[in-house]
Protein backbone atom coordinates (compact mmCIF):
# COMPACT_ATOMS: atom_id res chain seq x y z
CA UNK A 1 -0.16 -0.26 -0.53
CA UNK A 2 1.52 3.23 -1.06
CA UNK A 3 0.74 7.02 -0.11
CA UNK A 4 0.94 9.40 -2.86
CA UNK A 5 -0.25 13.19 -2.51
CA UNK A 6 -2.78 12.00 -0.16
CA UNK A 7 -3.97 8.86 -2.26
CA UNK A 8 -3.67 5.49 -0.88
CA UNK A 9 -2.76 2.66 -3.59
CA UNK A 10 -3.14 -1.10 -3.57
CA UNK A 11 -0.92 -3.22 -5.37
CA UNK A 12 0.07 -7.15 -4.95
CA UNK A 13 -1.00 -10.72 -5.69
CA UNK A 14 -2.67 -12.99 -3.06
CA UNK A 15 -3.04 -16.92 -3.57
CA UNK A 16 -5.81 -18.98 -2.05
CA UNK A 17 -8.59 -15.92 -2.30
CA UNK A 18 -11.35 -18.51 -1.35
CA UNK A 19 -15.08 -17.01 -2.79
CA UNK A 20 -13.59 -14.43 -5.32
CA UNK A 21 -15.62 -15.76 -8.25
CA UNK A 22 -18.80 -14.75 -6.06
CA UNK A 23 -17.57 -12.11 -3.46
CA UNK A 24 -18.35 -8.43 -3.28
CA UNK A 25 -15.57 -7.51 -1.20
CA UNK A 26 -12.19 -9.19 -0.53
CA UNK A 27 -10.03 -9.01 2.37
CA UNK A 28 -6.68 -8.99 2.11
CA UNK A 29 -3.10 -8.10 3.64
CA UNK A 30 -1.03 -5.57 2.57
CA UNK A 31 2.50 -3.88 3.76
CA UNK A 32 1.82 0.11 4.69
CA UNK A 33 4.90 1.51 2.69
CA UNK A 34 4.44 4.25 5.24
CA UNK A 35 4.59 2.61 8.60
CA UNK A 36 6.55 -0.71 6.99
CA UNK A 37 3.19 -2.10 9.22
CA UNK A 38 0.87 -5.37 7.89
CA UNK A 39 -2.71 -4.19 7.60
CA UNK A 40 -5.97 -5.38 6.22
CA UNK A 41 -7.39 -4.01 3.34
CA UNK A 42 -11.11 -4.64 2.06
CA UNK A 43 -10.95 -4.30 -1.42
CA UNK A 44 -13.94 -4.52 -3.90
CA UNK A 45 -13.71 -7.71 -5.83
CA UNK A 46 -14.45 -6.26 -8.73
CA UNK A 47 -11.52 -3.85 -9.23
CA UNK A 48 -9.25 -7.44 -8.80
CA UNK A 49 -8.09 -9.32 -11.51
CA UNK A 50 -8.40 -13.17 -11.06
CA UNK A 51 -6.00 -15.74 -12.04
CA UNK A 52 -7.96 -18.78 -11.79
CA UNK A 53 -4.88 -21.32 -10.39
CA UNK A 54 -7.10 -23.46 -8.17
CA UNK A 55 -7.86 -26.59 -9.88
CA UNK A 56 -8.50 -29.87 -8.41
CA UNK A 57 -10.03 -32.92 -9.23
CA UNK A 58 -13.84 -32.56 -8.23
CA UNK A 59 -13.08 -31.06 -4.78
CA UNK A 60 -14.53 -27.47 -6.41
CA UNK A 61 -15.23 -26.28 -2.51
CA UNK A 62 -14.83 -22.51 -2.39
CA UNK A 63 -12.89 -21.72 -5.74
CA UNK A 64 -9.59 -20.60 -3.61
CA UNK A 65 -7.95 -18.71 -6.92
CA UNK A 66 -5.06 -15.83 -6.92
CA UNK A 67 -6.04 -12.68 -7.67
CA UNK A 68 -4.00 -9.01 -8.06
CA UNK A 69 -4.23 -5.76 -7.47
CA UNK A 70 -2.07 -3.03 -9.96
CA UNK A 71 -2.78 0.49 -8.17
CA UNK A 72 -6.17 0.31 -6.80
CA UNK A 73 -7.27 3.30 -5.13
CA UNK A 74 -8.72 2.85 -1.66
CA UNK A 75 -10.48 5.26 1.33
CA UNK A 76 -8.61 5.37 4.63
CA UNK A 77 -11.71 3.81 5.72
CA UNK A 78 -10.73 0.64 3.84
CA UNK A 79 -7.85 -0.23 5.63
CA UNK A 80 -7.56 -1.60 9.39
CA UNK A 81 -4.94 -2.46 11.41
CA UNK A 82 -4.42 -6.05 12.69
CA UNK A 83 -2.18 -5.84 16.05
CA UNK A 84 -4.36 -2.80 17.27
CA UNK A 85 -7.81 -1.33 17.68
CA UNK A 86 -9.34 1.43 15.80
CA UNK A 87 -12.66 3.03 14.99
CA UNK A 88 -11.80 4.15 11.96
CA UNK A 89 -12.74 1.40 9.53
CA UNK A 90 -16.53 1.61 8.62
CA UNK A 91 -16.21 -1.74 6.34
CA UNK A 92 -14.84 -4.02 8.32
CA UNK A 93 -15.97 -3.75 12.19
CA UNK A 94 -13.25 -5.94 13.72
CA UNK A 95 -12.51 -2.99 16.59
CA UNK A 96 -15.23 -4.32 17.99
CA UNK A 97 -13.39 -7.70 18.62
CA UNK A 98 -9.71 -8.43 19.36
CA UNK A 99 -8.26 -8.94 15.84
CA UNK A 100 -6.42 -11.72 16.51
CA UNK A 101 -8.46 -13.98 18.84
CA UNK A 102 -11.41 -12.98 16.36
CA UNK A 103 -9.54 -14.33 13.06
CA UNK A 104 -8.92 -17.86 14.67
CA UNK A 105 -12.42 -18.04 16.03
CA UNK A 106 -13.84 -16.82 12.31
CA UNK A 107 -11.77 -20.29 11.08
CA UNK A 108 -12.66 -22.43 14.00
CA UNK A 109 -16.95 -21.68 13.33
CA UNK A 110 -16.48 -22.34 9.22
CA UNK A 111 -14.85 -25.46 10.45
CA UNK A 112 -17.59 -26.47 12.71
CA UNK A 113 -20.38 -25.51 9.99
CA UNK A 114 -18.68 -27.77 7.32
CA UNK A 115 -18.49 -30.62 9.78
CA UNK A 116 -22.05 -30.19 11.12
CA UNK A 117 -23.37 -30.20 7.20
CA UNK A 118 -21.07 -33.20 6.52
CA UNK A 119 -22.85 -34.95 9.20
CA UNK A 120 -26.63 -34.08 7.90
CA UNK A 121 -25.55 -34.79 4.20
CA UNK A 122 -24.81 -38.62 5.77
CA UNK A 123 -28.18 -39.02 7.97
CA UNK A 124 -29.54 -37.88 4.37
CA UNK A 125 -27.99 -40.75 2.68
CA UNK A 126 -28.08 -43.20 5.14
CA UNK A 127 -30.74 -45.63 5.32
CA UNK A 128 -33.11 -45.08 8.32
CA UNK A 129 -32.65 -48.48 10.06
CA UNK A 130 -31.24 -48.25 13.65
CA UNK A 131 -29.69 -51.64 13.03
CA UNK A 132 -27.38 -49.84 10.43
CA UNK A 133 -23.62 -51.25 11.71
CA UNK A 134 -22.58 -47.73 11.03
CA UNK A 135 -25.31 -46.03 13.11
CA UNK A 136 -22.64 -46.43 16.47
CA UNK A 137 -20.00 -44.68 14.44
CA UNK A 138 -21.96 -41.94 13.38
CA UNK A 139 -23.16 -41.56 16.87
CA UNK A 140 -19.35 -41.31 17.70
CA UNK A 141 -18.87 -38.38 15.01
CA UNK A 142 -21.81 -36.67 15.95
CA UNK A 143 -20.62 -36.83 20.01
CA UNK A 144 -17.33 -35.49 18.82
CA UNK A 145 -18.86 -32.80 17.12
CA UNK A 146 -20.94 -31.51 19.91
CA UNK A 147 -18.28 -31.44 22.46
CA UNK A 148 -16.33 -28.98 20.25
CA UNK A 149 -19.50 -26.84 19.55
CA UNK A 150 -20.29 -26.58 23.39
CA UNK A 151 -15.96 -25.73 23.76
CA UNK A 152 -16.48 -23.15 21.25
CA UNK A 153 -19.48 -21.61 22.37
CA UNK A 154 -17.53 -21.21 25.50
CA UNK A 155 -14.16 -19.90 24.08
CA UNK A 156 -16.58 -17.10 22.09
CA UNK A 157 -17.98 -16.31 25.84
CA UNK A 158 -14.65 -15.97 26.90
CA UNK A 159 -13.58 -13.43 24.25
CA UNK A 160 -16.98 -11.80 24.11
CA UNK A 161 -17.32 -11.04 27.63
CA UNK A 162 -13.95 -11.78 29.09
CA UNK A 163 -10.86 -9.46 30.27
CA UNK A 164 -8.74 -7.15 28.50
CA UNK A 165 -6.92 -8.70 25.46
CA UNK A 166 -3.29 -10.00 26.60
CA UNK A 167 -0.74 -12.10 25.12
CA UNK A 168 -1.79 -15.17 27.00
CA UNK A 169 -5.69 -15.06 26.25
CA UNK A 170 -4.86 -14.74 22.42
CA UNK A 171 -2.22 -17.89 22.52
CA UNK A 172 -4.87 -19.74 24.53
CA UNK A 173 -7.81 -18.75 22.23
CA UNK A 174 -5.55 -19.66 19.44
CA UNK A 175 -4.80 -23.09 20.75
CA UNK A 176 -8.20 -23.96 21.10
CA UNK A 177 -9.68 -22.92 17.94
CA UNK A 178 -6.79 -25.06 16.45
CA UNK A 179 -8.19 -27.90 18.19
CA UNK A 180 -11.64 -27.32 17.54
CA UNK A 181 -10.64 -27.18 13.69
CA UNK A 182 -9.03 -30.53 14.17
CA UNK A 183 -12.03 -31.80 15.51
CA UNK A 184 -14.16 -30.56 12.76
CA UNK A 185 -11.28 -32.17 10.62
CA UNK A 186 -11.65 -35.34 11.83
CA UNK A 187 -15.50 -35.37 12.34
CA UNK A 188 -15.91 -34.93 8.27
CA UNK A 189 -13.21 -37.06 7.10
CA UNK A 190 -14.97 -39.85 9.45
CA UNK A 191 -18.39 -39.12 7.65
CA UNK A 192 -16.24 -39.30 3.95
CA UNK A 193 -15.08 -43.02 5.25
CA UNK A 194 -18.49 -43.64 6.00
CA UNK A 195 -20.49 -42.81 3.08
CA UNK A 196 -18.41 -44.85 0.65
CA UNK A 197 -18.06 -44.72 -2.78
CA UNK A 198 -20.87 -42.11 -2.72
CA UNK A 199 -18.99 -39.67 -1.56
CA UNK A 200 -16.62 -39.95 -4.57
CA UNK A 201 -18.93 -38.31 -7.41
CA UNK A 202 -18.97 -34.80 -8.11
CA UNK A 203 -22.44 -34.15 -6.68
CA UNK A 204 -21.82 -35.36 -3.67
CA UNK A 205 -21.98 -32.52 -1.36
CA UNK A 206 -19.67 -34.11 1.52
CA UNK A 207 -16.58 -34.24 -0.67
CA UNK A 208 -16.51 -30.56 -1.30
CA UNK A 209 -17.16 -30.05 2.62
CA UNK A 210 -13.69 -32.30 3.44
CA UNK A 211 -12.08 -30.05 0.58
CA UNK A 212 -13.61 -27.07 2.19
CA UNK A 213 -12.31 -28.15 5.95
CA UNK A 214 -9.10 -29.68 4.55
CA UNK A 215 -8.43 -25.90 3.53
CA UNK A 216 -9.85 -24.12 6.15
CA UNK A 217 -8.15 -26.49 9.10
CA UNK A 218 -4.76 -25.27 7.70
CA UNK A 219 -5.02 -21.68 7.47
CA UNK A 220 -2.29 -19.75 9.12
CA UNK A 221 -4.42 -18.66 12.31
CA UNK A 222 -5.21 -22.02 13.15
CA UNK A 223 -2.36 -23.94 12.23
CA UNK A 224 0.35 -26.26 14.34
CA UNK A 225 2.48 -23.43 15.36
CA UNK A 226 -0.55 -22.56 17.67
CA UNK A 227 -0.12 -25.72 19.77
CA UNK A 228 3.15 -25.49 19.78
CA UNK A 229 3.08 -21.52 21.20
CA UNK A 230 0.18 -22.86 23.71
CA UNK A 231 2.90 -25.51 24.88
CA UNK A 232 5.77 -23.19 25.33
CA UNK A 233 3.71 -20.52 27.19
CA UNK A 234 2.62 -23.06 29.57
CA UNK A 235 6.02 -24.42 30.13
CA UNK A 236 7.28 -20.54 30.80
CA UNK A 237 4.59 -19.90 32.77
CA UNK A 238 4.78 -22.66 35.24
CA UNK A 239 0.83 -23.29 34.76
CA UNK A 240 0.39 -20.17 36.98
CA UNK A 241 -2.49 -19.41 34.23
CA UNK A 242 -6.03 -20.74 34.26
CA UNK A 243 -7.59 -22.36 31.38
CA UNK A 244 -10.37 -21.98 29.04
């Protein structure tokens, strides 16, 4: 992002821009040349060039293509800081929540929704017999999903009603979001396995949900480093902090 005589311009190229084919607005990260800091920018989708780089066999998902911009003019309110609160951003109200924790929980919510949809898809496909030998496995997956959903609600309450943002809270919430995403992934993979060969057809929603939850659960905000950071923090603090 450059500043030229009071005019803000954004140029860049971003991989894995999910939903770019049907979105009206896109959130991207840019380096602000004036401050040297990374900031978020809300760009109108029609101002971007789409490079169709997302090619997979059957697993269309959200279409996470590459997008590029060249000198797109933006207004100051389209910019929001990633590491501090701001009330100037009218297009993205991230200042209502701690940004880093909110981003991690956004991803967890997406993963839970995908897993829940996969379970419902399988129920609609399966015979309505209680003697189905797969019923116990399906029940186990549904129970795991329910636990993850309860945990998600508790973490959200902690963030929304909890104490002021701290480094410890951010680490703790990100680790919890990572665990929730991994549970959602495990449930979706289990559903895919139970669906058998039916899940391999292009028309099956289950394979699309699996593709999407695999992509979402690998997001940087919920990747394996969240567990590593939490573990190191616990060791350094010698358990002095309370859990979620």
